[in-house]
N, C-alpha and C. Protein backbone atom coordinates (compact mmCIF):
# COMPACT_ATOMS: atom_id res chain seq x y z
N MET A 1 -90.14 22.60 9.32
CA MET A 1 -89.89 23.85 10.03
C MET A 1 -88.52 24.38 9.60
N SER A 2 -88.48 25.64 9.26
CA SER A 2 -87.20 26.23 8.85
C SER A 2 -86.28 26.39 10.06
N SER A 3 -85.00 26.60 9.79
CA SER A 3 -84.06 26.76 10.90
C SER A 3 -84.40 28.02 11.71
N HIS A 4 -84.90 29.05 11.02
CA HIS A 4 -85.32 30.29 11.70
C HIS A 4 -86.46 29.99 12.68
N ASP A 5 -87.47 29.24 12.21
CA ASP A 5 -88.61 28.88 13.07
C ASP A 5 -88.16 28.00 14.22
N GLU A 6 -87.26 27.07 13.93
CA GLU A 6 -86.74 26.16 14.95
C GLU A 6 -85.97 26.94 16.03
N ARG A 7 -85.20 27.92 15.59
CA ARG A 7 -84.42 28.74 16.54
C ARG A 7 -85.35 29.49 17.48
N ILE A 8 -86.41 30.05 16.94
CA ILE A 8 -87.38 30.77 17.79
C ILE A 8 -88.04 29.80 18.75
N ALA A 9 -88.45 28.64 18.27
CA ALA A 9 -89.12 27.65 19.12
C ALA A 9 -88.26 27.26 20.32
N GLN A 10 -86.94 27.14 20.11
CA GLN A 10 -86.04 26.68 21.16
C GLN A 10 -85.46 27.80 22.03
N MET A 11 -85.71 29.04 21.66
CA MET A 11 -85.21 30.15 22.47
C MET A 11 -85.89 30.15 23.84
N ILE A 12 -85.13 30.46 24.86
CA ILE A 12 -85.68 30.50 26.21
C ILE A 12 -86.35 31.87 26.42
N PHE A 13 -87.64 31.82 26.78
CA PHE A 13 -88.38 33.07 26.97
C PHE A 13 -87.68 33.98 27.97
N GLY A 14 -87.21 33.40 29.07
CA GLY A 14 -86.56 34.18 30.12
C GLY A 14 -85.27 34.85 29.68
N SER A 15 -84.68 34.38 28.59
CA SER A 15 -83.45 35.02 28.11
C SER A 15 -83.79 36.25 27.25
N VAL A 16 -84.99 36.30 26.71
CA VAL A 16 -85.41 37.43 25.88
C VAL A 16 -86.15 38.48 26.73
N TYR A 17 -86.83 38.01 27.75
CA TYR A 17 -87.63 38.90 28.62
C TYR A 17 -86.87 40.14 29.12
N PRO A 18 -85.61 40.00 29.62
CA PRO A 18 -84.89 41.20 30.09
C PRO A 18 -84.69 42.24 28.97
N HIS A 19 -84.61 41.77 27.73
CA HIS A 19 -84.47 42.69 26.60
C HIS A 19 -85.77 43.47 26.39
N TYR A 20 -86.91 42.79 26.59
CA TYR A 20 -88.20 43.47 26.50
C TYR A 20 -88.27 44.57 27.57
N VAL A 21 -87.90 44.20 28.81
CA VAL A 21 -87.93 45.14 29.93
C VAL A 21 -87.04 46.35 29.62
N ALA A 22 -85.81 46.08 29.20
CA ALA A 22 -84.86 47.17 28.92
C ALA A 22 -85.39 48.07 27.81
N LYS A 23 -85.96 47.48 26.79
CA LYS A 23 -86.47 48.26 25.65
C LYS A 23 -87.59 49.21 26.08
N VAL A 24 -88.55 48.70 26.86
CA VAL A 24 -89.67 49.57 27.24
C VAL A 24 -89.26 50.60 28.29
N GLU A 25 -88.40 50.19 29.23
CA GLU A 25 -87.97 51.14 30.27
C GLU A 25 -87.11 52.26 29.69
N ARG A 26 -86.31 51.93 28.70
CA ARG A 26 -85.47 52.93 28.04
C ARG A 26 -86.34 54.03 27.41
N LYS A 27 -87.55 53.65 27.03
CA LYS A 27 -88.46 54.59 26.38
C LYS A 27 -89.49 55.17 27.35
N GLY A 28 -89.26 54.97 28.67
CA GLY A 28 -90.13 55.57 29.67
C GLY A 28 -91.41 54.81 29.98
N ARG A 29 -91.49 53.57 29.52
CA ARG A 29 -92.65 52.75 29.87
C ARG A 29 -92.27 51.86 31.05
N THR A 30 -93.26 51.18 31.64
CA THR A 30 -93.00 50.42 32.87
C THR A 30 -93.11 48.91 32.65
N VAL A 31 -92.55 48.17 33.62
CA VAL A 31 -92.67 46.71 33.60
C VAL A 31 -94.14 46.33 33.75
N ALA A 32 -94.89 47.09 34.54
CA ALA A 32 -96.33 46.82 34.70
C ALA A 32 -97.05 46.91 33.35
N GLU A 33 -96.68 47.90 32.56
CA GLU A 33 -97.28 48.03 31.22
C GLU A 33 -96.86 46.87 30.33
N LEU A 34 -95.61 46.47 30.43
CA LEU A 34 -95.13 45.32 29.67
C LEU A 34 -95.93 44.08 30.04
N HIS A 35 -96.13 43.87 31.33
CA HIS A 35 -96.88 42.71 31.79
C HIS A 35 -98.33 42.77 31.32
N GLN A 36 -98.89 43.97 31.28
CA GLN A 36 -100.26 44.14 30.79
C GLN A 36 -100.36 43.70 29.32
N VAL A 37 -99.37 44.07 28.54
CA VAL A 37 -99.33 43.70 27.12
C VAL A 37 -99.16 42.19 26.97
N ILE A 38 -98.25 41.60 27.74
CA ILE A 38 -98.02 40.15 27.67
C ILE A 38 -99.28 39.40 28.10
N GLU A 39 -99.92 39.89 29.17
CA GLU A 39 -101.14 39.23 29.65
C GLU A 39 -102.25 39.32 28.60
N TRP A 40 -102.37 40.47 27.94
CA TRP A 40 -103.39 40.62 26.91
C TRP A 40 -103.19 39.57 25.80
N LEU A 41 -101.94 39.39 25.39
CA LEU A 41 -101.66 38.47 24.29
C LEU A 41 -101.77 37.01 24.72
N THR A 42 -101.26 36.68 25.91
CA THR A 42 -101.09 35.27 26.30
C THR A 42 -102.01 34.78 27.41
N GLY A 43 -102.58 35.71 28.17
CA GLY A 43 -103.39 35.32 29.32
C GLY A 43 -102.56 35.13 30.59
N TYR A 44 -101.23 35.21 30.49
CA TYR A 44 -100.37 35.00 31.66
C TYR A 44 -100.36 36.23 32.56
N LYS A 45 -100.77 36.04 33.81
CA LYS A 45 -100.62 37.10 34.81
C LYS A 45 -99.16 37.12 35.29
N THR A 46 -98.78 38.16 36.02
CA THR A 46 -97.39 38.34 36.43
C THR A 46 -96.82 37.13 37.16
N ALA A 47 -97.57 36.55 38.10
CA ALA A 47 -97.06 35.40 38.87
C ALA A 47 -96.76 34.22 37.95
N ALA A 48 -97.65 33.95 37.01
CA ALA A 48 -97.45 32.84 36.07
C ALA A 48 -96.24 33.13 35.18
N LEU A 49 -96.12 34.38 34.77
CA LEU A 49 -95.00 34.79 33.93
C LEU A 49 -93.67 34.55 34.64
N GLU A 50 -93.61 34.95 35.92
CA GLU A 50 -92.39 34.76 36.71
C GLU A 50 -92.03 33.28 36.84
N LYS A 51 -93.05 32.42 37.02
CA LYS A 51 -92.80 30.98 37.11
C LYS A 51 -92.23 30.44 35.80
N LEU A 52 -92.79 30.89 34.68
CA LEU A 52 -92.31 30.43 33.37
C LEU A 52 -90.87 30.86 33.14
N ILE A 53 -90.53 32.07 33.59
CA ILE A 53 -89.16 32.56 33.46
C ILE A 53 -88.23 31.71 34.31
N GLN A 54 -88.64 31.42 35.56
CA GLN A 54 -87.82 30.59 36.45
C GLN A 54 -87.62 29.18 35.90
N LYS A 55 -88.68 28.64 35.26
CA LYS A 55 -88.60 27.29 34.70
C LYS A 55 -87.78 27.23 33.42
N LYS A 56 -87.39 28.40 32.92
CA LYS A 56 -86.61 28.49 31.67
C LYS A 56 -87.32 27.82 30.50
N VAL A 57 -88.62 28.12 30.36
CA VAL A 57 -89.38 27.53 29.25
C VAL A 57 -88.95 28.14 27.92
N THR A 58 -89.06 27.33 26.88
CA THR A 58 -88.79 27.81 25.52
C THR A 58 -90.01 28.59 25.02
N PHE A 59 -89.83 29.32 23.93
CA PHE A 59 -90.97 30.01 23.32
C PHE A 59 -92.05 29.00 22.92
N GLU A 60 -91.62 27.81 22.48
CA GLU A 60 -92.58 26.77 22.11
C GLU A 60 -93.46 26.41 23.31
N GLU A 61 -92.85 26.17 24.47
CA GLU A 61 -93.60 25.83 25.68
C GLU A 61 -94.44 27.03 26.14
N PHE A 62 -93.85 28.21 26.06
CA PHE A 62 -94.51 29.44 26.49
C PHE A 62 -95.84 29.62 25.74
N PHE A 63 -95.81 29.48 24.43
CA PHE A 63 -97.02 29.70 23.64
C PHE A 63 -97.95 28.49 23.60
N LYS A 64 -97.41 27.30 23.87
CA LYS A 64 -98.26 26.10 23.92
C LYS A 64 -99.27 26.22 25.05
N LYS A 65 -98.84 26.78 26.19
CA LYS A 65 -99.71 26.90 27.36
C LYS A 65 -100.51 28.21 27.37
N ALA A 66 -100.16 29.14 26.50
CA ALA A 66 -100.82 30.44 26.48
C ALA A 66 -102.23 30.33 25.92
N LYS A 67 -103.10 31.25 26.37
CA LYS A 67 -104.44 31.38 25.80
C LYS A 67 -104.41 32.65 24.95
N LEU A 68 -104.09 32.47 23.68
CA LEU A 68 -103.90 33.60 22.79
C LEU A 68 -105.16 34.44 22.69
N ASN A 69 -105.00 35.75 22.80
CA ASN A 69 -106.13 36.66 22.71
C ASN A 69 -106.81 36.49 21.35
N PRO A 70 -108.16 36.42 21.35
CA PRO A 70 -108.87 36.26 20.08
C PRO A 70 -108.63 37.42 19.10
N ASN A 71 -108.19 38.56 19.61
CA ASN A 71 -107.90 39.70 18.73
C ASN A 71 -106.44 39.77 18.28
N ALA A 72 -105.66 38.76 18.59
CA ALA A 72 -104.24 38.77 18.22
C ALA A 72 -104.06 38.94 16.71
N HIS A 73 -105.02 38.43 15.94
CA HIS A 73 -104.91 38.56 14.47
C HIS A 73 -104.95 40.01 14.00
N LEU A 74 -105.37 40.92 14.89
CA LEU A 74 -105.42 42.34 14.54
C LEU A 74 -104.02 42.98 14.60
N ILE A 75 -103.05 42.25 15.13
CA ILE A 75 -101.67 42.75 15.19
C ILE A 75 -101.08 42.61 13.79
N THR A 76 -100.78 43.75 13.18
CA THR A 76 -100.24 43.73 11.83
C THR A 76 -99.04 44.65 11.75
N GLY A 77 -98.33 44.55 10.65
CA GLY A 77 -97.18 45.43 10.45
C GLY A 77 -95.90 44.63 10.35
N VAL A 78 -94.80 45.36 10.28
CA VAL A 78 -93.50 44.72 10.08
C VAL A 78 -92.70 44.74 11.37
N ILE A 79 -92.10 43.59 11.68
CA ILE A 79 -91.19 43.48 12.82
C ILE A 79 -90.05 42.57 12.40
N CYS A 80 -88.85 43.00 12.68
CA CYS A 80 -87.65 42.23 12.30
C CYS A 80 -87.64 41.87 10.81
N GLY A 81 -88.18 42.77 9.99
CA GLY A 81 -88.18 42.56 8.55
C GLY A 81 -89.27 41.64 8.03
N TYR A 82 -90.16 41.19 8.92
CA TYR A 82 -91.24 40.29 8.52
C TYR A 82 -92.59 40.96 8.74
N ARG A 83 -93.50 40.78 7.80
CA ARG A 83 -94.87 41.27 7.97
C ARG A 83 -95.59 40.22 8.81
N VAL A 84 -95.96 40.57 10.05
CA VAL A 84 -96.47 39.56 11.00
C VAL A 84 -97.69 38.81 10.49
N GLU A 85 -98.57 39.51 9.78
CA GLU A 85 -99.79 38.83 9.32
C GLU A 85 -99.50 37.80 8.22
N ASP A 86 -98.31 37.83 7.62
CA ASP A 86 -97.95 36.89 6.55
C ASP A 86 -97.07 35.73 7.02
N ILE A 87 -96.70 35.71 8.29
CA ILE A 87 -95.83 34.63 8.79
C ILE A 87 -96.65 33.34 8.85
N GLU A 88 -96.15 32.29 8.19
CA GLU A 88 -96.91 31.05 8.08
C GLU A 88 -96.77 30.13 9.28
N ASN A 89 -95.60 30.12 9.91
CA ASN A 89 -95.41 29.24 11.07
C ASN A 89 -96.15 29.85 12.27
N PRO A 90 -97.13 29.13 12.84
CA PRO A 90 -97.94 29.70 13.93
C PRO A 90 -97.12 30.14 15.14
N LEU A 91 -96.14 29.36 15.54
CA LEU A 91 -95.33 29.72 16.70
C LEU A 91 -94.49 30.97 16.43
N THR A 92 -93.86 31.00 15.27
CA THR A 92 -93.06 32.18 14.91
C THR A 92 -93.96 33.41 14.86
N GLN A 93 -95.15 33.25 14.33
CA GLN A 93 -96.08 34.38 14.25
C GLN A 93 -96.43 34.88 15.65
N LYS A 94 -96.70 33.99 16.59
CA LYS A 94 -97.02 34.40 17.96
C LYS A 94 -95.85 35.13 18.60
N ALA A 95 -94.64 34.62 18.39
CA ALA A 95 -93.44 35.28 18.95
C ALA A 95 -93.30 36.68 18.36
N ARG A 96 -93.57 36.81 17.07
CA ARG A 96 -93.48 38.13 16.42
C ARG A 96 -94.62 39.05 16.85
N TYR A 97 -95.79 38.48 17.16
CA TYR A 97 -96.87 39.28 17.73
C TYR A 97 -96.36 39.95 19.01
N LEU A 98 -95.72 39.15 19.86
CA LEU A 98 -95.20 39.67 21.12
C LEU A 98 -94.15 40.74 20.87
N ASP A 99 -93.23 40.47 19.93
CA ASP A 99 -92.22 41.47 19.58
C ASP A 99 -92.87 42.77 19.13
N LYS A 100 -93.90 42.65 18.32
CA LYS A 100 -94.58 43.83 17.76
C LYS A 100 -95.25 44.63 18.87
N LEU A 101 -95.90 43.96 19.81
CA LEU A 101 -96.55 44.65 20.93
C LEU A 101 -95.53 45.38 21.80
N VAL A 102 -94.41 44.72 22.08
CA VAL A 102 -93.34 45.34 22.88
C VAL A 102 -92.81 46.56 22.14
N ASP A 103 -92.64 46.43 20.84
CA ASP A 103 -92.17 47.53 20.01
C ASP A 103 -93.14 48.72 20.07
N GLU A 104 -94.42 48.44 19.94
CA GLU A 104 -95.43 49.50 19.99
C GLU A 104 -95.43 50.19 21.35
N LEU A 105 -95.28 49.41 22.41
CA LEU A 105 -95.21 49.96 23.77
C LEU A 105 -94.01 50.89 23.89
N ALA A 106 -92.87 50.42 23.41
CA ALA A 106 -91.64 51.21 23.48
C ALA A 106 -91.74 52.49 22.64
N LYS A 107 -92.51 52.44 21.58
CA LYS A 107 -92.65 53.62 20.72
C LYS A 107 -93.67 54.62 21.26
N GLY A 108 -94.24 54.33 22.43
CA GLY A 108 -95.15 55.28 23.06
C GLY A 108 -96.58 55.22 22.58
N ARG A 109 -96.94 54.15 21.91
CA ARG A 109 -98.32 54.01 21.44
C ARG A 109 -99.26 53.90 22.63
N LYS A 110 -100.46 54.44 22.50
CA LYS A 110 -101.45 54.38 23.58
C LYS A 110 -101.84 52.92 23.86
N MET A 111 -102.01 52.61 25.14
CA MET A 111 -102.30 51.23 25.55
C MET A 111 -103.55 50.68 24.87
N GLU A 112 -104.62 51.48 24.74
CA GLU A 112 -105.82 50.96 24.12
C GLU A 112 -105.61 50.60 22.64
N LYS A 113 -104.67 51.28 21.99
CA LYS A 113 -104.34 50.93 20.60
C LYS A 113 -103.51 49.64 20.58
N ILE A 114 -102.54 49.53 21.50
CA ILE A 114 -101.71 48.32 21.56
C ILE A 114 -102.60 47.10 21.82
N LEU A 115 -103.57 47.26 22.74
CA LEU A 115 -104.42 46.14 23.13
C LEU A 115 -105.62 45.96 22.20
N ARG A 116 -105.62 46.71 21.11
CA ARG A 116 -106.66 46.57 20.08
C ARG A 116 -108.06 46.64 20.67
N THR A 117 -108.30 47.64 21.55
CA THR A 117 -109.62 47.74 22.19
C THR A 117 -110.48 48.86 21.65
N ASP A 118 -109.94 49.66 20.73
CA ASP A 118 -110.70 50.82 20.27
C ASP A 118 -111.39 50.58 18.93
N GLY A 119 -111.82 49.34 18.74
CA GLY A 119 -112.62 49.00 17.57
C GLY A 119 -111.88 49.11 16.29
């Protein structure tokens, strides 16, 4: 595992979460929409998400318990200088999937496009 992948694995989800909230709210989106996006990707409902944040789980723990959406592979494009579909480390790829979804939400993309439901 590269140091970059290791750093992502050990990052505390709850320390990044407020940045997700700030990013989407700054662009006029809501925490409810953010939670909808996170739930689509991971299966975590709001109550479970809050518990994980309180427990200070790492991204590794966060994604180990998640039920990744079967359509997650449809998330493509560049985030943080990386093409998400080409990331080889599975955990890093999942973290970047989440970053990409948050980014799309903040950019005002329609929810059905973010959630890959329009075929």
